[in-house]
Amino acid sequence: MADWLKNFAKIKDLDLQDSPLKADLFKGKTTLVLFYNNDCLGCTGRAIPFAYELKKEYGIQVILIHSNFRKSVTREAIAQIFSTPEIPLEIYIDKNHLAYDAFACEGTPHWLIINKDLDITQSIFGSQPNAQNRIIYSLAEMKAH
């Protein structure tokens, strides 16, 4: 079993109920995990739209994890960052940024790429073109194999 999964033990869903972030959710799928914060303009303006495009282009699973730092966030606040009435991606809450800390995230946005065998293949900070290119190259390489 992937040891890193224990870092998701305290993650909640948008209704602050225990989340299903367990091995079965990841197994057999390429997954892009994005740690973000609603108050981070790089997250809401670049990273989340980029994650949505990657989901469509590569057919991967995308999971967003809002990491609370100074204040809690509500489902309504999260919904407001989207231009559609429905939230188009899976979003979870890292209430006390425990998972964020456990994965040694450098800031928000921070990305994890997890392969079908539950291995974390990349940990990337940022939303600028350099970070985006690293993510694209990693996903393209995984798709080729």
N, C-alpha and C. Protein backbone atom coordinates (compact mmCIF):
# COMPACT_ATOMS: atom_id res chain seq x y z
N MET A 1 0.84 -1.19 0.00
CA MET A 1 0.00 0.00 0.00
C MET A 1 0.88 1.24 0.00
N ALA A 2 0.43 2.26 -0.64
CA ALA A 2 1.18 3.52 -0.73
C ALA A 2 1.13 4.23 0.63
N ASP A 3 2.31 4.43 1.21
CA ASP A 3 2.39 5.08 2.52
C ASP A 3 1.83 6.49 2.53
N TRP A 4 1.90 7.17 1.39
CA TRP A 4 1.46 8.55 1.34
C TRP A 4 -0.04 8.71 1.57
N LEU A 5 -0.82 7.65 1.37
CA LEU A 5 -2.26 7.73 1.54
C LEU A 5 -2.66 8.12 2.96
N LYS A 6 -1.84 7.78 3.94
CA LYS A 6 -2.17 8.13 5.32
C LYS A 6 -2.23 9.65 5.51
N ASN A 7 -1.56 10.38 4.64
CA ASN A 7 -1.58 11.85 4.74
C ASN A 7 -2.94 12.45 4.38
N PHE A 8 -3.82 11.65 3.78
CA PHE A 8 -5.15 12.12 3.43
C PHE A 8 -6.20 11.75 4.49
N ALA A 9 -5.77 11.18 5.61
CA ALA A 9 -6.70 10.68 6.62
C ALA A 9 -7.63 11.76 7.18
N LYS A 10 -7.17 12.99 7.28
CA LYS A 10 -7.98 14.06 7.88
C LYS A 10 -8.68 14.95 6.84
N ILE A 11 -8.53 14.64 5.57
CA ILE A 11 -9.17 15.41 4.51
C ILE A 11 -10.69 15.23 4.61
N LYS A 12 -11.42 16.31 4.37
CA LYS A 12 -12.89 16.28 4.40
C LYS A 12 -13.45 16.61 3.03
N ASP A 13 -14.69 16.22 2.78
CA ASP A 13 -15.34 16.63 1.54
C ASP A 13 -15.87 18.06 1.71
N LEU A 14 -16.56 18.58 0.72
CA LEU A 14 -17.04 19.97 0.79
C LEU A 14 -18.08 20.20 1.87
N ASP A 15 -18.70 19.14 2.35
CA ASP A 15 -19.67 19.27 3.44
C ASP A 15 -19.03 18.96 4.79
N LEU A 16 -17.70 18.93 4.79
CA LEU A 16 -16.88 18.67 5.99
C LEU A 16 -17.14 17.30 6.61
N GLN A 17 -17.51 16.34 5.75
CA GLN A 17 -17.64 14.95 6.15
C GLN A 17 -16.35 14.23 5.77
N ASP A 18 -16.09 13.08 6.38
CA ASP A 18 -14.89 12.32 6.03
C ASP A 18 -14.87 12.06 4.54
N SER A 19 -13.70 12.15 3.96
CA SER A 19 -13.60 12.01 2.50
C SER A 19 -13.26 10.58 2.10
N PRO A 20 -13.52 10.28 0.84
CA PRO A 20 -13.19 8.95 0.32
C PRO A 20 -11.80 8.89 -0.32
N LEU A 21 -10.85 9.71 0.15
CA LEU A 21 -9.51 9.71 -0.47
C LEU A 21 -8.72 8.51 0.04
N LYS A 22 -9.10 7.37 -0.48
CA LYS A 22 -8.47 6.11 -0.10
C LYS A 22 -7.93 5.44 -1.36
N ALA A 23 -7.22 4.36 -1.20
CA ALA A 23 -6.52 3.71 -2.31
C ALA A 23 -7.44 3.41 -3.49
N ASP A 24 -8.66 2.96 -3.22
CA ASP A 24 -9.57 2.60 -4.31
C ASP A 24 -9.85 3.77 -5.24
N LEU A 25 -9.83 4.99 -4.73
CA LEU A 25 -10.09 6.16 -5.55
C LEU A 25 -8.96 6.42 -6.54
N PHE A 26 -7.74 6.03 -6.18
CA PHE A 26 -6.55 6.31 -6.98
C PHE A 26 -6.09 5.14 -7.85
N LYS A 27 -6.32 3.93 -7.38
CA LYS A 27 -5.78 2.74 -8.03
C LYS A 27 -6.24 2.61 -9.48
N GLY A 28 -5.28 2.38 -10.36
CA GLY A 28 -5.57 2.17 -11.77
C GLY A 28 -5.84 3.44 -12.55
N LYS A 29 -5.63 4.61 -11.92
CA LYS A 29 -5.90 5.89 -12.58
C LYS A 29 -4.68 6.79 -12.44
N THR A 30 -4.43 7.57 -13.45
CA THR A 30 -3.46 8.66 -13.31
C THR A 30 -4.22 9.80 -12.65
N THR A 31 -3.65 10.33 -11.57
CA THR A 31 -4.33 11.37 -10.80
C THR A 31 -3.43 12.58 -10.65
N LEU A 32 -4.03 13.74 -10.83
CA LEU A 32 -3.37 15.01 -10.59
C LEU A 32 -4.04 15.61 -9.36
N VAL A 33 -3.25 15.80 -8.30
CA VAL A 33 -3.76 16.42 -7.08
C VAL A 33 -3.22 17.84 -7.05
N LEU A 34 -4.12 18.80 -6.82
CA LEU A 34 -3.74 20.20 -6.74
C LEU A 34 -4.09 20.73 -5.36
N PHE A 35 -3.05 21.08 -4.59
CA PHE A 35 -3.26 21.79 -3.33
C PHE A 35 -3.38 23.26 -3.69
N TYR A 36 -4.47 23.88 -3.26
CA TYR A 36 -4.70 25.28 -3.60
C TYR A 36 -5.35 25.99 -2.43
N ASN A 37 -5.54 27.30 -2.58
CA ASN A 37 -6.25 28.10 -1.60
C ASN A 37 -7.10 29.11 -2.36
N ASN A 38 -8.32 29.31 -1.93
CA ASN A 38 -9.23 30.24 -2.60
C ASN A 38 -8.69 31.66 -2.68
N ASP A 39 -7.87 32.06 -1.74
CA ASP A 39 -7.32 33.42 -1.71
C ASP A 39 -6.06 33.56 -2.57
N CYS A 40 -5.62 32.51 -3.21
CA CYS A 40 -4.43 32.52 -4.05
C CYS A 40 -4.84 32.79 -5.50
N LEU A 41 -4.46 33.96 -6.00
CA LEU A 41 -4.85 34.32 -7.37
C LEU A 41 -4.21 33.41 -8.42
N GLY A 42 -2.99 32.95 -8.17
CA GLY A 42 -2.35 32.01 -9.10
C GLY A 42 -3.12 30.69 -9.14
N CYS A 43 -3.74 30.34 -8.02
CA CYS A 43 -4.53 29.11 -7.95
C CYS A 43 -5.84 29.25 -8.72
N THR A 44 -6.58 30.30 -8.40
CA THR A 44 -7.91 30.44 -8.98
C THR A 44 -7.87 30.97 -10.42
N GLY A 45 -6.84 31.75 -10.74
CA GLY A 45 -6.76 32.34 -12.07
C GLY A 45 -6.04 31.49 -13.09
N ARG A 46 -5.07 30.68 -12.64
CA ARG A 46 -4.29 29.87 -13.59
C ARG A 46 -4.36 28.38 -13.29
N ALA A 47 -4.09 27.98 -12.06
CA ALA A 47 -3.93 26.56 -11.75
C ALA A 47 -5.23 25.77 -11.92
N ILE A 48 -6.32 26.26 -11.37
CA ILE A 48 -7.57 25.50 -11.47
C ILE A 48 -8.06 25.40 -12.92
N PRO A 49 -8.06 26.50 -13.68
CA PRO A 49 -8.44 26.34 -15.10
C PRO A 49 -7.49 25.39 -15.85
N PHE A 50 -6.20 25.44 -15.54
CA PHE A 50 -5.23 24.55 -16.17
C PHE A 50 -5.53 23.10 -15.80
N ALA A 51 -5.84 22.84 -14.53
CA ALA A 51 -6.17 21.48 -14.08
C ALA A 51 -7.40 20.96 -14.82
N TYR A 52 -8.38 21.82 -15.01
CA TYR A 52 -9.59 21.42 -15.73
C TYR A 52 -9.27 21.07 -17.18
N GLU A 53 -8.43 21.85 -17.82
CA GLU A 53 -8.03 21.56 -19.20
C GLU A 53 -7.26 20.24 -19.28
N LEU A 54 -6.38 19.98 -18.31
CA LEU A 54 -5.63 18.72 -18.29
C LEU A 54 -6.57 17.53 -18.13
N LYS A 55 -7.58 17.68 -17.31
CA LYS A 55 -8.55 16.61 -17.13
C LYS A 55 -9.21 16.27 -18.46
N LYS A 56 -9.62 17.29 -19.18
CA LYS A 56 -10.27 17.07 -20.48
C LYS A 56 -9.29 16.51 -21.51
N GLU A 57 -8.10 17.06 -21.58
CA GLU A 57 -7.14 16.65 -22.61
C GLU A 57 -6.55 15.27 -22.38
N TYR A 58 -6.23 14.94 -21.14
CA TYR A 58 -5.55 13.67 -20.85
C TYR A 58 -6.48 12.61 -20.28
N GLY A 59 -7.70 12.96 -19.96
CA GLY A 59 -8.63 11.99 -19.39
C GLY A 59 -8.20 11.49 -18.02
N ILE A 60 -7.52 12.34 -17.27
CA ILE A 60 -7.03 11.96 -15.96
C ILE A 60 -8.01 12.37 -14.87
N GLN A 61 -7.82 11.78 -13.72
CA GLN A 61 -8.58 12.18 -12.54
C GLN A 61 -7.89 13.41 -11.95
N VAL A 62 -8.66 14.43 -11.63
CA VAL A 62 -8.12 15.64 -11.00
C VAL A 62 -8.82 15.85 -9.68
N ILE A 63 -8.03 16.02 -8.64
CA ILE A 63 -8.55 16.26 -7.30
C ILE A 63 -7.96 17.55 -6.77
N LEU A 64 -8.82 18.47 -6.36
CA LEU A 64 -8.38 19.72 -5.77
C LEU A 64 -8.53 19.63 -4.26
N ILE A 65 -7.50 20.09 -3.56
CA ILE A 65 -7.55 20.09 -2.10
C ILE A 65 -7.30 21.51 -1.63
N HIS A 66 -8.36 22.12 -1.09
CA HIS A 66 -8.23 23.47 -0.53
C HIS A 66 -7.56 23.35 0.83
N SER A 67 -6.42 24.00 0.99
CA SER A 67 -5.71 23.99 2.27
C SER A 67 -6.04 25.27 3.02
N ASN A 68 -6.65 25.08 4.21
CA ASN A 68 -6.98 26.22 5.06
C ASN A 68 -5.73 26.66 5.80
N PHE A 69 -5.45 27.93 5.76
CA PHE A 69 -4.32 28.48 6.51
C PHE A 69 -4.80 29.42 7.60
N ARG A 70 -5.36 30.53 7.25
CA ARG A 70 -5.81 31.50 8.25
C ARG A 70 -7.28 31.37 8.60
N LYS A 71 -8.07 30.97 7.65
CA LYS A 71 -9.52 30.89 7.89
C LYS A 71 -10.10 29.69 7.17
N SER A 72 -11.24 29.25 7.65
CA SER A 72 -11.94 28.14 7.00
C SER A 72 -12.66 28.65 5.77
N VAL A 73 -12.95 27.76 4.89
CA VAL A 73 -13.67 28.10 3.66
C VAL A 73 -14.96 27.30 3.61
N THR A 74 -15.96 27.88 3.00
CA THR A 74 -17.25 27.20 2.88
C THR A 74 -17.45 26.69 1.45
N ARG A 75 -18.40 25.79 1.31
CA ARG A 75 -18.77 25.28 -0.01
C ARG A 75 -19.16 26.45 -0.93
N GLU A 76 -19.90 27.42 -0.38
CA GLU A 76 -20.34 28.57 -1.16
C GLU A 76 -19.16 29.40 -1.65
N ALA A 77 -18.17 29.61 -0.80
CA ALA A 77 -16.99 30.38 -1.21
C ALA A 77 -16.23 29.66 -2.30
N ILE A 78 -16.13 28.36 -2.20
CA ILE A 78 -15.44 27.58 -3.24
C ILE A 78 -16.24 27.66 -4.55
N ALA A 79 -17.54 27.51 -4.47
CA ALA A 79 -18.38 27.55 -5.68
C ALA A 79 -18.26 28.88 -6.40
N GLN A 80 -18.01 29.96 -5.67
CA GLN A 80 -17.94 31.28 -6.29
C GLN A 80 -16.74 31.48 -7.21
N ILE A 81 -15.72 30.65 -7.09
CA ILE A 81 -14.55 30.82 -7.97
C ILE A 81 -14.78 30.23 -9.35
N PHE A 82 -15.87 29.50 -9.53
CA PHE A 82 -16.18 28.88 -10.81
C PHE A 82 -17.21 29.69 -11.56
N SER A 83 -17.14 29.64 -12.87
CA SER A 83 -18.08 30.39 -13.71
C SER A 83 -19.30 29.56 -14.08
N THR A 84 -19.36 28.34 -13.57
CA THR A 84 -20.50 27.46 -13.85
C THR A 84 -21.25 27.22 -12.54
N PRO A 85 -22.54 26.91 -12.63
CA PRO A 85 -23.30 26.66 -11.40
C PRO A 85 -22.83 25.40 -10.66
N GLU A 86 -22.34 24.43 -11.40
CA GLU A 86 -21.84 23.19 -10.80
C GLU A 86 -20.32 23.27 -10.66
N ILE A 87 -19.80 22.73 -9.59
CA ILE A 87 -18.36 22.67 -9.40
C ILE A 87 -17.84 21.55 -10.31
N PRO A 88 -16.98 21.86 -11.29
CA PRO A 88 -16.62 20.88 -12.32
C PRO A 88 -15.50 19.90 -11.93
N LEU A 89 -14.94 20.04 -10.74
CA LEU A 89 -13.85 19.17 -10.31
C LEU A 89 -14.12 18.67 -8.89
N GLU A 90 -13.48 17.58 -8.54
CA GLU A 90 -13.60 17.06 -7.18
C GLU A 90 -12.77 17.95 -6.26
N ILE A 91 -13.40 18.47 -5.20
CA ILE A 91 -12.70 19.35 -4.27
C ILE A 91 -12.89 18.84 -2.86
N TYR A 92 -11.80 18.87 -2.10
CA TYR A 92 -11.79 18.44 -0.71
C TYR A 92 -11.15 19.54 0.14
N ILE A 93 -11.33 19.42 1.45
CA ILE A 93 -10.84 20.43 2.38
C ILE A 93 -9.76 19.82 3.27
N ASP A 94 -8.63 20.50 3.31
CA ASP A 94 -7.51 20.16 4.21
C ASP A 94 -7.57 21.19 5.34
N LYS A 95 -8.46 20.92 6.31
CA LYS A 95 -8.86 21.92 7.30
C LYS A 95 -7.70 22.60 8.01
N ASN A 96 -6.73 21.89 8.45
CA ASN A 96 -5.60 22.47 9.18
C ASN A 96 -4.29 22.31 8.41
N HIS A 97 -4.39 22.24 7.10
CA HIS A 97 -3.28 22.06 6.16
C HIS A 97 -2.31 20.93 6.56
N LEU A 98 -2.86 19.86 7.14
CA LEU A 98 -2.03 18.73 7.57
C LEU A 98 -1.47 17.96 6.39
N ALA A 99 -2.31 17.70 5.38
CA ALA A 99 -1.82 16.98 4.19
C ALA A 99 -0.83 17.86 3.44
N TYR A 100 -1.15 19.13 3.29
CA TYR A 100 -0.26 20.10 2.64
C TYR A 100 1.13 20.04 3.29
N ASP A 101 1.16 20.05 4.61
CA ASP A 101 2.43 19.99 5.33
C ASP A 101 3.12 18.63 5.16
N ALA A 102 2.33 17.56 5.22
CA ALA A 102 2.90 16.21 5.11
C ALA A 102 3.57 15.98 3.76
N PHE A 103 3.04 16.59 2.71
CA PHE A 103 3.63 16.45 1.38
C PHE A 103 4.69 17.51 1.10
N ALA A 104 5.04 18.29 2.13
CA ALA A 104 6.08 19.32 2.03
C ALA A 104 5.82 20.26 0.85
N CYS A 105 4.57 20.68 0.73
CA CYS A 105 4.22 21.63 -0.33
C CYS A 105 4.98 22.93 -0.10
N GLU A 106 5.38 23.55 -1.19
CA GLU A 106 6.18 24.77 -1.12
C GLU A 106 5.33 26.03 -1.09
N GLY A 107 4.07 25.91 -1.29
CA GLY A 107 3.14 27.03 -1.38
C GLY A 107 1.97 26.56 -2.21
N THR A 108 1.09 27.50 -2.52
CA THR A 108 -0.02 27.14 -3.40
C THR A 108 0.12 27.94 -4.68
N PRO A 109 -0.17 27.31 -5.80
CA PRO A 109 -0.62 25.93 -5.99
C PRO A 109 0.56 24.95 -5.94
N HIS A 110 0.28 23.76 -5.49
CA HIS A 110 1.28 22.70 -5.47
C HIS A 110 0.61 21.43 -6.01
N TRP A 111 1.30 20.78 -6.93
CA TRP A 111 0.76 19.64 -7.67
C TRP A 111 1.45 18.33 -7.30
N LEU A 112 0.69 17.25 -7.23
CA LEU A 112 1.23 15.90 -7.14
C LEU A 112 0.69 15.11 -8.32
N ILE A 113 1.57 14.40 -8.99
CA ILE A 113 1.13 13.50 -10.05
C ILE A 113 1.32 12.08 -9.52
N ILE A 114 0.23 11.32 -9.54
CA ILE A 114 0.21 9.97 -8.99
C ILE A 114 -0.13 9.02 -10.14
N ASN A 115 0.73 8.02 -10.33
CA ASN A 115 0.49 7.10 -11.44
C ASN A 115 -0.50 6.00 -11.06
N LYS A 116 -0.80 5.13 -12.02
CA LYS A 116 -1.79 4.07 -11.82
C LYS A 116 -1.39 3.06 -10.77
N ASP A 117 -0.09 3.01 -10.45
CA ASP A 117 0.41 2.08 -9.45
C ASP A 117 0.52 2.72 -8.07
N LEU A 118 -0.05 3.91 -7.92
CA LEU A 118 -0.07 4.65 -6.66
C LEU A 118 1.29 5.22 -6.26
N ASP A 119 2.15 5.46 -7.23
CA ASP A 119 3.43 6.11 -6.97
C ASP A 119 3.31 7.60 -7.27
N ILE A 120 3.82 8.43 -6.38
CA ILE A 120 3.88 9.86 -6.67
C ILE A 120 5.10 10.07 -7.56
N THR A 121 4.85 10.48 -8.78
CA THR A 121 5.95 10.61 -9.74
C THR A 121 6.49 12.04 -9.82
N GLN A 122 5.67 13.01 -9.44
CA GLN A 122 6.11 14.41 -9.48
C GLN A 122 5.46 15.18 -8.34
N SER A 123 6.22 16.15 -7.82
CA SER A 123 5.72 17.12 -6.85
C SER A 123 6.21 18.47 -7.36
N ILE A 124 5.27 19.33 -7.78
CA ILE A 124 5.63 20.55 -8.50
C ILE A 124 4.91 21.74 -7.88
N PHE A 125 5.65 22.81 -7.62
CA PHE A 125 5.07 24.05 -7.10
C PHE A 125 4.91 25.06 -8.22
N GLY A 126 3.79 25.77 -8.23
CA GLY A 126 3.62 26.90 -9.12
C GLY A 126 2.53 26.76 -10.15
N SER A 127 2.23 27.91 -10.78
CA SER A 127 1.21 27.94 -11.82
C SER A 127 1.71 28.61 -13.10
N GLN A 128 2.95 29.07 -13.08
CA GLN A 128 3.53 29.75 -14.23
C GLN A 128 3.87 28.73 -15.32
N PRO A 129 4.21 29.20 -16.52
CA PRO A 129 4.49 28.28 -17.64
C PRO A 129 5.53 27.20 -17.33
N ASN A 130 6.57 27.50 -16.58
CA ASN A 130 7.58 26.47 -16.29
C ASN A 130 6.96 25.29 -15.54
N ALA A 131 6.16 25.58 -14.53
CA ALA A 131 5.49 24.51 -13.78
C ALA A 131 4.49 23.78 -14.68
N GLN A 132 3.74 24.53 -15.46
CA GLN A 132 2.76 23.91 -16.35
C GLN A 132 3.43 22.99 -17.36
N ASN A 133 4.56 23.41 -17.91
CA ASN A 133 5.29 22.56 -18.86
C ASN A 133 5.77 21.28 -18.21
N ARG A 134 6.26 21.35 -16.98
CA ARG A 134 6.72 20.14 -16.28
C ARG A 134 5.57 19.16 -16.09
N ILE A 135 4.41 19.68 -15.78
CA ILE A 135 3.23 18.83 -15.61
C ILE A 135 2.84 18.19 -16.93
N ILE A 136 2.78 18.99 -17.98
CA ILE A 136 2.43 18.46 -19.32
C ILE A 136 3.42 17.37 -19.74
N TYR A 137 4.71 17.62 -19.60
CA TYR A 137 5.72 16.63 -19.99
C TYR A 137 5.55 15.34 -19.19
N SER A 138 5.29 15.45 -17.90
CA SER A 138 5.12 14.27 -17.06
C SER A 138 3.89 13.46 -17.48
N LEU A 139 2.78 14.16 -17.73
CA LEU A 139 1.57 13.46 -18.14
C LEU A 139 1.72 12.83 -19.53
N ALA A 140 2.38 13.54 -20.44
CA ALA A 140 2.62 13.00 -21.79
C ALA A 140 3.48 11.74 -21.72
N GLU A 141 4.50 11.79 -20.87
CA GLU A 141 5.38 10.61 -20.71
C GLU A 141 4.62 9.44 -20.13
N MET A 142 3.77 9.68 -19.16
CA MET A 142 2.98 8.60 -18.56
C MET A 142 2.01 8.01 -19.59
N LYS A 143 1.43 8.87 -20.40
CA LYS A 143 0.48 8.42 -21.43
C LYS A 143 1.19 7.56 -22.47
N ALA A 144 2.45 7.88 -22.76
CA ALA A 144 3.22 7.15 -23.78
C ALA A 144 3.57 5.74 -23.31
N HIS A 145 3.57 5.52 -22.03
CA HIS A 145 3.96 4.19 -21.51
C HIS A 145 2.78 3.33 -21.18
